[in-house]
Amino acid sequence: MNILTLIIGMALVTYIPRAMPAVFIEKMRFGKKTEQFLGLIPYTAMTALIFPGVLSTDPNSIWIGIVGAVTAAWIGWKKFPIVIVVLGSILAVMLAYLVL
């Protein structure tokens, strides 16, 4: 019974902070600068998650990951669909392995 209580308590402690913004977001008003800042958080978080993987793609050559990241960034900058971005960066990494 103690374990079940512990699991329920941990679930509540995890769920409540995640649910509160969804419940109260309509009542919250932010300035234009704050809205712009909050809009950039997903991009920043994704970059922080992806960047270490770019540098550790191949232990023998750091350039393989950099080629893939630069290619993905360039294709994404051109506003292609995400599937094209992923496939393009995979193709670039494959070609980089052949060349480098």
N, C-alpha and C. Protein backbone atom coordinates (compact mmCIF):
# COMPACT_ATOMS: atom_id res chain seq x y z
N MET A 1 0.82 -1.20 0.00
CA MET A 1 0.00 0.00 0.00
C MET A 1 0.86 1.26 0.00
N ASN A 2 2.02 1.20 0.68
CA ASN A 2 2.91 2.35 0.71
C ASN A 2 3.43 2.70 -0.68
N ILE A 3 3.71 1.69 -1.48
CA ILE A 3 4.22 1.92 -2.82
C ILE A 3 3.15 2.58 -3.69
N LEU A 4 1.91 2.11 -3.57
CA LEU A 4 0.82 2.70 -4.34
C LEU A 4 0.61 4.16 -3.95
N THR A 5 0.66 4.46 -2.68
CA THR A 5 0.54 5.84 -2.21
C THR A 5 1.68 6.70 -2.75
N LEU A 6 2.87 6.15 -2.74
CA LEU A 6 4.03 6.85 -3.26
C LEU A 6 3.88 7.14 -4.76
N ILE A 7 3.42 6.17 -5.52
CA ILE A 7 3.23 6.35 -6.96
C ILE A 7 2.17 7.40 -7.23
N ILE A 8 1.06 7.36 -6.52
CA ILE A 8 -0.01 8.35 -6.70
C ILE A 8 0.49 9.75 -6.33
N GLY A 9 1.23 9.85 -5.24
CA GLY A 9 1.79 11.14 -4.82
C GLY A 9 2.76 11.70 -5.86
N MET A 10 3.63 10.85 -6.41
CA MET A 10 4.57 11.32 -7.43
C MET A 10 3.84 11.72 -8.71
N ALA A 11 2.77 11.00 -9.04
CA ALA A 11 1.99 11.34 -10.23
C ALA A 11 1.33 12.71 -10.05
N LEU A 12 0.79 12.99 -8.89
CA LEU A 12 0.16 14.28 -8.63
C LEU A 12 1.19 15.42 -8.65
N VAL A 13 2.33 15.19 -8.04
CA VAL A 13 3.37 16.21 -8.00
C VAL A 13 3.88 16.51 -9.41
N THR A 14 3.89 15.52 -10.27
CA THR A 14 4.32 15.72 -11.65
C THR A 14 3.22 16.34 -12.49
N TYR A 15 2.00 15.92 -12.28
CA TYR A 15 0.88 16.35 -13.13
C TYR A 15 0.43 17.78 -12.85
N ILE A 16 0.36 18.15 -11.60
CA ILE A 16 -0.18 19.46 -11.23
C ILE A 16 0.59 20.62 -11.88
N PRO A 17 1.93 20.67 -11.80
CA PRO A 17 2.63 21.79 -12.46
C PRO A 17 2.46 21.80 -13.98
N ARG A 18 2.22 20.65 -14.57
CA ARG A 18 2.02 20.60 -16.02
C ARG A 18 0.60 21.01 -16.41
N ALA A 19 -0.36 20.73 -15.56
CA ALA A 19 -1.75 21.02 -15.87
C ALA A 19 -2.13 22.47 -15.57
N MET A 20 -1.48 23.08 -14.59
CA MET A 20 -1.84 24.44 -14.20
C MET A 20 -1.73 25.45 -15.34
N PRO A 21 -0.65 25.47 -16.11
CA PRO A 21 -0.61 26.44 -17.22
C PRO A 21 -1.72 26.21 -18.24
N ALA A 22 -2.07 24.98 -18.50
CA ALA A 22 -3.13 24.70 -19.46
C ALA A 22 -4.48 25.20 -18.95
N VAL A 23 -4.70 25.14 -17.67
CA VAL A 23 -5.97 25.57 -17.09
C VAL A 23 -6.04 27.10 -17.01
N PHE A 24 -4.94 27.75 -16.65
CA PHE A 24 -4.97 29.18 -16.39
C PHE A 24 -4.44 30.04 -17.54
N ILE A 25 -4.03 29.44 -18.64
CA ILE A 25 -3.40 30.21 -19.71
C ILE A 25 -4.33 31.26 -20.31
N GLU A 26 -5.62 30.97 -20.35
CA GLU A 26 -6.56 31.93 -20.93
C GLU A 26 -6.72 33.17 -20.06
N LYS A 27 -6.49 33.04 -18.77
CA LYS A 27 -6.64 34.16 -17.86
C LYS A 27 -5.36 35.00 -17.76
N MET A 28 -4.27 34.46 -18.24
CA MET A 28 -2.98 35.15 -18.13
C MET A 28 -2.77 36.06 -19.35
N ARG A 29 -2.30 37.26 -19.10
CA ARG A 29 -2.00 38.21 -20.16
C ARG A 29 -0.53 38.61 -20.04
N PHE A 30 0.16 38.56 -21.17
CA PHE A 30 1.57 38.91 -21.19
C PHE A 30 1.80 40.06 -22.15
N GLY A 31 2.91 40.75 -21.95
CA GLY A 31 3.29 41.81 -22.88
C GLY A 31 3.81 41.21 -24.18
N LYS A 32 4.01 42.09 -25.16
CA LYS A 32 4.46 41.64 -26.47
C LYS A 32 5.84 40.99 -26.40
N LYS A 33 6.75 41.56 -25.65
CA LYS A 33 8.11 41.01 -25.52
C LYS A 33 8.07 39.64 -24.83
N THR A 34 7.24 39.49 -23.83
CA THR A 34 7.13 38.21 -23.12
C THR A 34 6.54 37.16 -24.03
N GLU A 35 5.52 37.53 -24.81
CA GLU A 35 4.92 36.58 -25.77
C GLU A 35 5.96 36.13 -26.78
N GLN A 36 6.76 37.06 -27.26
CA GLN A 36 7.80 36.73 -28.23
C GLN A 36 8.83 35.79 -27.59
N PHE A 37 9.22 36.08 -26.35
CA PHE A 37 10.17 35.23 -25.63
C PHE A 37 9.61 33.83 -25.44
N LEU A 38 8.37 33.73 -25.02
CA LEU A 38 7.75 32.42 -24.81
C LEU A 38 7.60 31.65 -26.11
N GLY A 39 7.42 32.35 -27.21
CA GLY A 39 7.32 31.69 -28.51
C GLY A 39 8.62 31.07 -28.97
N LEU A 40 9.75 31.55 -28.44
CA LEU A 40 11.06 31.03 -28.83
C LEU A 40 11.52 29.85 -27.98
N ILE A 41 10.85 29.58 -26.89
CA ILE A 41 11.27 28.50 -25.99
C ILE A 41 11.29 27.13 -26.67
N PRO A 42 10.29 26.75 -27.46
CA PRO A 42 10.37 25.42 -28.10
C PRO A 42 11.59 25.26 -29.00
N TYR A 43 11.95 26.30 -29.73
CA TYR A 43 13.12 26.22 -30.60
C TYR A 43 14.40 26.09 -29.77
N THR A 44 14.47 26.82 -28.68
CA THR A 44 15.63 26.76 -27.81
C THR A 44 15.76 25.38 -27.17
N ALA A 45 14.66 24.84 -26.70
CA ALA A 45 14.69 23.52 -26.07
C ALA A 45 15.09 22.44 -27.08
N MET A 46 14.56 22.52 -28.29
CA MET A 46 14.91 21.54 -29.32
C MET A 46 16.40 21.62 -29.67
N THR A 47 16.91 22.84 -29.76
CA THR A 47 18.34 23.01 -30.04
C THR A 47 19.18 22.42 -28.93
N ALA A 48 18.80 22.65 -27.69
CA ALA A 48 19.56 22.10 -26.56
C ALA A 48 19.52 20.58 -26.54
N LEU A 49 18.45 19.99 -27.01
CA LEU A 49 18.36 18.53 -27.05
C LEU A 49 19.14 17.93 -28.22
N ILE A 50 19.17 18.62 -29.34
CA ILE A 50 19.79 18.08 -30.54
C ILE A 50 21.30 18.34 -30.59
N PHE A 51 21.75 19.49 -30.13
CA PHE A 51 23.15 19.88 -30.30
C PHE A 51 24.17 18.87 -29.77
N PRO A 52 24.01 18.31 -28.58
CA PRO A 52 24.99 17.31 -28.12
C PRO A 52 25.08 16.09 -29.04
N GLY A 53 23.96 15.70 -29.62
CA GLY A 53 23.96 14.57 -30.55
C GLY A 53 24.69 14.88 -31.84
N VAL A 54 24.63 16.14 -32.26
CA VAL A 54 25.34 16.56 -33.47
C VAL A 54 26.85 16.38 -33.28
N LEU A 55 27.34 16.73 -32.12
CA LEU A 55 28.77 16.65 -31.87
C LEU A 55 29.26 15.25 -31.56
N SER A 56 28.36 14.34 -31.24
CA SER A 56 28.78 12.98 -30.89
C SER A 56 28.27 11.93 -31.88
N THR A 57 27.93 12.36 -33.10
CA THR A 57 27.41 11.42 -34.09
C THR A 57 28.44 10.37 -34.45
N ASP A 58 29.64 10.82 -34.76
CA ASP A 58 30.72 9.91 -35.13
C ASP A 58 31.97 10.29 -34.33
N PRO A 59 32.48 9.39 -33.51
CA PRO A 59 33.64 9.74 -32.69
C PRO A 59 34.90 10.02 -33.51
N ASN A 60 34.96 9.51 -34.74
CA ASN A 60 36.14 9.70 -35.56
C ASN A 60 36.13 11.03 -36.31
N SER A 61 34.96 11.58 -36.59
CA SER A 61 34.88 12.82 -37.35
C SER A 61 33.69 13.65 -36.87
N ILE A 62 33.99 14.78 -36.27
CA ILE A 62 32.93 15.67 -35.79
C ILE A 62 32.17 16.30 -36.96
N TRP A 63 32.79 16.34 -38.13
CA TRP A 63 32.21 17.01 -39.29
C TRP A 63 30.97 16.30 -39.82
N ILE A 64 30.84 15.02 -39.58
CA ILE A 64 29.67 14.28 -40.05
C ILE A 64 28.40 14.88 -39.45
N GLY A 65 28.39 15.06 -38.15
CA GLY A 65 27.22 15.64 -37.48
C GLY A 65 26.98 17.08 -37.88
N ILE A 66 28.06 17.83 -38.05
CA ILE A 66 27.93 19.23 -38.44
C ILE A 66 27.33 19.35 -39.83
N VAL A 67 27.75 18.47 -40.75
CA VAL A 67 27.19 18.47 -42.11
C VAL A 67 25.69 18.21 -42.05
N GLY A 68 25.28 17.22 -41.26
CA GLY A 68 23.85 16.92 -41.13
C GLY A 68 23.07 18.06 -40.52
N ALA A 69 23.62 18.70 -39.49
CA ALA A 69 22.92 19.80 -38.82
C ALA A 69 22.81 21.02 -39.72
N VAL A 70 23.89 21.35 -40.41
CA VAL A 70 23.85 22.51 -41.31
C VAL A 70 22.88 22.27 -42.46
N THR A 71 22.90 21.06 -42.99
CA THR A 71 21.97 20.73 -44.07
C THR A 71 20.52 20.83 -43.60
N ALA A 72 20.23 20.27 -42.43
CA ALA A 72 18.87 20.34 -41.88
C ALA A 72 18.46 21.79 -41.63
N ALA A 73 19.38 22.60 -41.11
CA ALA A 73 19.07 24.00 -40.85
C ALA A 73 18.79 24.75 -42.15
N TRP A 74 19.59 24.49 -43.17
CA TRP A 74 19.40 25.18 -44.45
C TRP A 74 18.08 24.78 -45.11
N ILE A 75 17.79 23.48 -45.13
CA ILE A 75 16.54 23.02 -45.74
C ILE A 75 15.33 23.53 -44.93
N GLY A 76 15.46 23.51 -43.62
CA GLY A 76 14.39 24.04 -42.78
C GLY A 76 14.20 25.54 -42.97
N TRP A 77 15.29 26.26 -43.16
CA TRP A 77 15.22 27.71 -43.39
C TRP A 77 14.45 28.02 -44.67
N LYS A 78 14.52 27.11 -45.63
CA LYS A 78 13.80 27.28 -46.89
C LYS A 78 12.33 26.89 -46.77
N LYS A 79 11.92 26.52 -45.56
CA LYS A 79 10.52 26.21 -45.23
C LYS A 79 9.97 24.98 -45.93
N PHE A 80 10.83 23.96 -46.09
CA PHE A 80 10.36 22.69 -46.61
C PHE A 80 9.68 21.91 -45.49
N PRO A 81 8.83 20.95 -45.82
CA PRO A 81 8.20 20.12 -44.78
C PRO A 81 9.25 19.36 -43.97
N ILE A 82 8.90 19.02 -42.76
CA ILE A 82 9.84 18.37 -41.84
C ILE A 82 10.36 17.04 -42.39
N VAL A 83 9.54 16.33 -43.13
CA VAL A 83 9.98 15.06 -43.71
C VAL A 83 11.13 15.30 -44.69
N ILE A 84 11.03 16.35 -45.48
CA ILE A 84 12.09 16.69 -46.43
C ILE A 84 13.35 17.11 -45.68
N VAL A 85 13.20 17.84 -44.60
CA VAL A 85 14.34 18.26 -43.79
C VAL A 85 15.08 17.04 -43.25
N VAL A 86 14.34 16.10 -42.69
CA VAL A 86 14.96 14.90 -42.12
C VAL A 86 15.62 14.06 -43.21
N LEU A 87 14.90 13.82 -44.29
CA LEU A 87 15.48 13.01 -45.38
C LEU A 87 16.69 13.70 -46.01
N GLY A 88 16.62 15.01 -46.16
CA GLY A 88 17.76 15.74 -46.71
C GLY A 88 18.99 15.67 -45.83
N SER A 89 18.80 15.78 -44.53
CA SER A 89 19.95 15.69 -43.62
C SER A 89 20.49 14.27 -43.56
N ILE A 90 19.63 13.27 -43.67
CA ILE A 90 20.11 11.89 -43.71
C ILE A 90 20.94 11.67 -44.97
N LEU A 91 20.46 12.16 -46.10
CA LEU A 91 21.20 12.04 -47.35
C LEU A 91 22.55 12.76 -47.26
N ALA A 92 22.56 13.94 -46.66
CA ALA A 92 23.81 14.68 -46.50
C ALA A 92 24.81 13.92 -45.63
N VAL A 93 24.33 13.31 -44.56
CA VAL A 93 25.22 12.53 -43.69
C VAL A 93 25.75 11.30 -44.43
N MET A 94 24.90 10.66 -45.21
CA MET A 94 25.36 9.51 -45.99
C MET A 94 26.44 9.93 -46.98
N LEU A 95 26.23 11.04 -47.66
CA LEU A 95 27.24 11.53 -48.59
C LEU A 95 28.52 11.96 -47.87
N ALA A 96 28.37 12.54 -46.69
CA ALA A 96 29.53 12.95 -45.91
C ALA A 96 30.36 11.74 -45.49
N TYR A 97 29.69 10.63 -45.17
CA TYR A 97 30.43 9.42 -44.82
C TYR A 97 31.22 8.91 -46.02
N LEU A 98 30.67 9.05 -47.23
CA LEU A 98 31.39 8.61 -48.41
C LEU A 98 32.58 9.51 -48.72
N VAL A 99 32.43 10.81 -48.50
CA VAL A 99 33.47 11.76 -48.84
C VAL A 99 34.51 11.89 -47.73
N LEU A 100 34.04 12.00 -46.51
CA LEU A 100 34.96 12.21 -45.39
C LEU A 100 35.39 10.89 -44.87
